[in-house]
Amino acid sequence: MDELFNELLRITEEAAASREQLTDEQWKAFMRQRTDLMIRIRRMDAELPEGAEVRRAFKPIVERLAMLDAQLIGQMHEVKEEAARQLRGIHAGRRQKQAYELEEIMEEGFFVDKRR
């Protein structure tokens, strides 16, 4: 269990240190590895008796992980907001283009009606 916690802490610290430079593929790899480690830790923890001393020994690591997770979540929210801003810009451009194209159609129709 010690090895699992140390590995989880190591990859989380690496991700937190370089969170602004990570590519999408690196984020995915980190999340897959993190999830695998968390599942293995939870399985081992389920086998421990209630109030086991081992749990208390890992408390500092768990607290450090919680702090790093908060930083990573903040970065993920920033990435999400940036993507949302870009999507809004794309949608606004499409609306403007559609309005312009509709305006052309209406003008042509107006001229046709005017000739009658």
Protein backbone atom coordinates (compact mmCIF):
# COMPACT_ATOMS: atom_id res chain seq x y z
CA MET A 1 0.00 0.00 0.00
CA ASP A 2 2.94 2.28 0.74
CA GLU A 3 4.22 1.88 -2.82
CA LEU A 4 0.80 2.69 -4.26
CA PHE A 5 0.43 5.88 -2.21
CA ASN A 6 3.96 6.98 -3.07
CA GLU A 7 3.36 6.36 -6.78
CA LEU A 8 0.05 8.24 -6.62
CA LEU A 9 1.74 11.14 -4.87
CA ARG A 10 4.61 11.16 -7.39
CA ILE A 11 2.41 11.28 -10.50
CA THR A 12 0.09 13.85 -8.91
CA GLU A 13 3.00 16.13 -7.98
CA GLU A 14 4.38 15.81 -11.52
CA ALA A 15 1.01 16.65 -13.04
CA ALA A 16 0.53 19.60 -10.69
CA ALA A 17 4.01 20.96 -11.43
CA SER A 18 3.51 20.86 -15.19
CA ARG A 19 -0.29 21.22 -15.35
CA GLU A 20 -0.23 24.20 -17.72
CA GLN A 21 1.96 22.39 -20.25
CA LEU A 22 0.21 19.00 -20.26
CA THR A 23 -1.33 17.90 -23.54
CA ASP A 24 -4.73 16.23 -23.74
CA GLU A 25 -3.07 12.84 -24.14
CA GLN A 26 -0.88 13.43 -21.08
CA TRP A 27 -3.96 14.42 -19.05
CA LYS A 28 -5.73 11.24 -20.16
CA ALA A 29 -2.72 9.08 -19.31
CA PHE A 30 -2.42 10.73 -15.90
CA MET A 31 -6.12 10.24 -15.15
CA ARG A 32 -6.01 6.57 -16.24
CA GLN A 33 -2.96 5.89 -14.07
CA ARG A 34 -4.45 7.81 -11.15
CA THR A 35 -7.75 5.93 -11.40
CA ASP A 36 -5.95 2.59 -11.51
CA LEU A 37 -3.92 3.46 -8.40
CA MET A 38 -7.00 4.71 -6.55
CA ILE A 39 -8.90 1.49 -7.29
CA ARG A 40 -6.00 -0.61 -6.04
CA ILE A 41 -5.65 1.51 -2.88
CA ARG A 42 -9.39 1.27 -2.14
CA ARG A 43 -9.34 -2.51 -2.55
CA MET A 44 -6.45 -2.80 -0.10
CA ASP A 45 -8.10 -0.34 2.29
CA ALA A 46 -11.31 -2.40 2.28
CA GLU A 47 -9.34 -5.37 3.57
CA LEU A 48 -7.95 -3.44 6.54
CA PRO A 49 -9.68 -3.68 9.92
CA GLU A 50 -11.58 -0.66 11.20
CA GLY A 51 -9.28 1.89 12.87
CA ALA A 52 -6.08 0.33 11.47
CA GLU A 53 -2.92 2.23 12.30
CA VAL A 54 -1.88 2.03 8.64
CA ARG A 55 -4.65 4.45 7.71
CA ARG A 56 -3.31 7.06 10.12
CA ALA A 57 0.18 6.64 8.71
CA PHE A 58 -1.02 7.72 5.26
CA LYS A 59 -2.95 10.76 6.49
CA PRO A 60 -0.19 13.29 5.56
CA ILE A 61 0.00 11.83 2.05
CA VAL A 62 -3.77 11.97 1.67
CA GLU A 63 -3.80 15.61 2.80
CA ARG A 64 -1.04 16.47 0.30
CA LEU A 65 -2.99 14.67 -2.44
CA ALA A 66 -6.13 16.65 -1.57
CA MET A 67 -4.21 19.92 -1.88
CA LEU A 68 -2.72 18.92 -5.23
CA ASP A 69 -6.11 17.73 -6.47
CA ALA A 70 -7.56 21.17 -5.73
CA GLN A 71 -4.84 22.75 -7.89
CA LEU A 72 -5.47 20.27 -10.72
CA ILE A 73 -9.22 20.81 -10.56
CA GLY A 74 -8.66 24.56 -10.76
CA GLN A 75 -6.56 24.06 -13.90
CA MET A 76 -9.23 21.81 -15.40
CA HIS A 77 -11.86 24.49 -14.78
CA GLU A 78 -9.66 27.06 -16.51
CA VAL A 79 -9.26 24.77 -19.54
CA LYS A 80 -13.02 24.16 -19.58
CA GLU A 81 -13.76 27.90 -19.46
CA GLU A 82 -11.29 28.61 -22.26
CA ALA A 83 -12.92 25.93 -24.43
CA ALA A 84 -16.36 27.37 -23.65
CA ARG A 85 -15.18 30.87 -24.67
CA GLN A 86 -13.84 29.53 -27.95
CA LEU A 87 -17.07 27.63 -28.65
CA ARG A 88 -19.12 30.75 -27.95
CA GLY A 89 -16.98 32.63 -30.47
CA ILE A 90 -17.50 29.93 -33.08
CA HIS A 91 -21.26 29.92 -32.49
CA ALA A 92 -21.41 33.72 -32.68
CA GLY A 93 -19.56 33.63 -36.00
CA ARG A 94 -21.98 31.04 -37.36
CA ARG A 95 -24.98 33.13 -36.28
CA GLN A 96 -23.53 36.19 -37.96
CA LYS A 97 -22.85 34.25 -41.14
CA GLN A 98 -26.37 32.80 -41.14
CA ALA A 99 -27.88 36.24 -40.56
CA TYR A 100 -25.81 37.67 -43.42
CA GLU A 101 -26.84 34.85 -45.75
CA LEU A 102 -30.49 35.32 -44.74
CA GLU A 103 -30.13 39.05 -45.41
CA GLU A 104 -28.90 38.32 -48.97
CA ILE A 105 -31.87 36.04 -49.60
CA MET A 106 -34.28 38.63 -48.30
CA GLU A 107 -32.72 41.37 -50.45
CA GLU A 108 -33.00 39.23 -53.56
CA GLY A 109 -36.61 38.48 -52.71
CA PHE A 110 -37.26 42.17 -52.13
CA PHE A 111 -35.93 43.08 -55.54
CA VAL A 112 -37.98 40.34 -57.17
CA ASP A 113 -41.09 41.64 -55.43
CA LYS A 114 -40.26 45.21 -56.40
CA ARG A 115 -40.17 44.36 -60.10
CA ARG A 116 -43.67 42.86 -60.06
